[in-house]
Amino acid sequence: MAETKQVKPFFVVNPASAAGRTRTRFEQALEVLQAVFPDMGFTYTTAPMDAVQITMDALHKGFNTIIACGGDGTNNEVLNGFMNPEGAPRMPYASLGFFPSGTGGDFGKTIRLPHTPGELVRYIRAGIRRPMDIGHMEYISTRGEHAKRFFLNIMSFGIGGLVDHYVNKAPKVLGGKVSFFIGTLRAMLHYRNLPVRLVLDNEPVYDGPVRLVAVANGRYFGGGMMVAPDAEVDDGLLDVIVFKAMSTWDFMRLSGTIYSGNHIGHPLIDVYRAHTISASGHHGLLIDMDGEEAGSTPVTVRCIRHAVNIIRMPEGESE
């Protein structure tokens, strides 16, 4: 556990997340943070992907604790600035932490994260630094180009990418759960099952139409859906949840059980664990990555075991 004087935190703040509430929450905590961490730094993002370069610059300046302040999309950008292209931290002894305040906030449901200024200070000072897995994917970007990206929580393809499309085009003033629920309903009315060929750890496991395939490091996505209830963030494997072809009505009836994780065991859902996953087919399925629309299949995903030290709430505090 690092002493306060050894911790030099930098906060990457997305002021637009949570319909602007993230900036207010951070500024409410700022006076307390500056009193405890006089050498801290912070920057507000001003455009998509800003957080990647901001994080890289902060690490280059010697900040050893990077805190992402925003939603799952902000977390993803900060992670991609934290890692080098080879899949290792740019600063080997740096830690990555989070002050969640976004539309979905799904990663914070898998591991407990701070929500008040007092919790945030304790989290940075006394939080447990533990190595965590991340995912790396190669895919087709929204511009039609080959792209590579790290993800922290969950990537999915199929209806999940279409949900992101609708959520991110709509106002988010009603909060994450409602925004994703409405986006899911809209996607259900328009999505059609599309064929995909899945290969896990070099073994073909499925070739046929799907509603959704989730590749999970964390457990939750879509504003609180527990799509992968048994996923662990440090086991060196990704959970793969395959929703095979089903009607819109069947998926609507099933969707309520996903919030509780009770969908596992349904005859139209297969569950796997793997280190590498590839998906291909004649149709490009839209990809969701940490709550953001990323591009489309074909995609190859691999788990990078214990890639980054993630800060967790101090021991002794309730989960």
Foldseek 3Di string as FASTA:
>chain_A
DDALVVAAEEEEFACPFLNRVLVVQCVVLVVVCCVSHVNYYYDYDDDPLSLLVVLLVCVVVPHQEYEYGHALSSVFSNVNNQADPVLAGPDNRGAYEYAYDHQANWQCVQFPHDDHSVQPVLLRRFFDWFFFKKKKKWFQFAVRHTDIGIFQWKKKWALLLQLLVQLVVDDRNVGNQVSLVVSSVVSLVPGAWDWKWKAFPNRTDDTGTFRMKMWGQGQDDSRQFRQPVPHHGAPLKTKIKTQHDDHSVVCVVLRVCRNVPVSPPPPRIDIDIHFKMFMDDPDWTFMAGSSHTTHTDRMMMGMDHSRHTYTGRHPPDDD
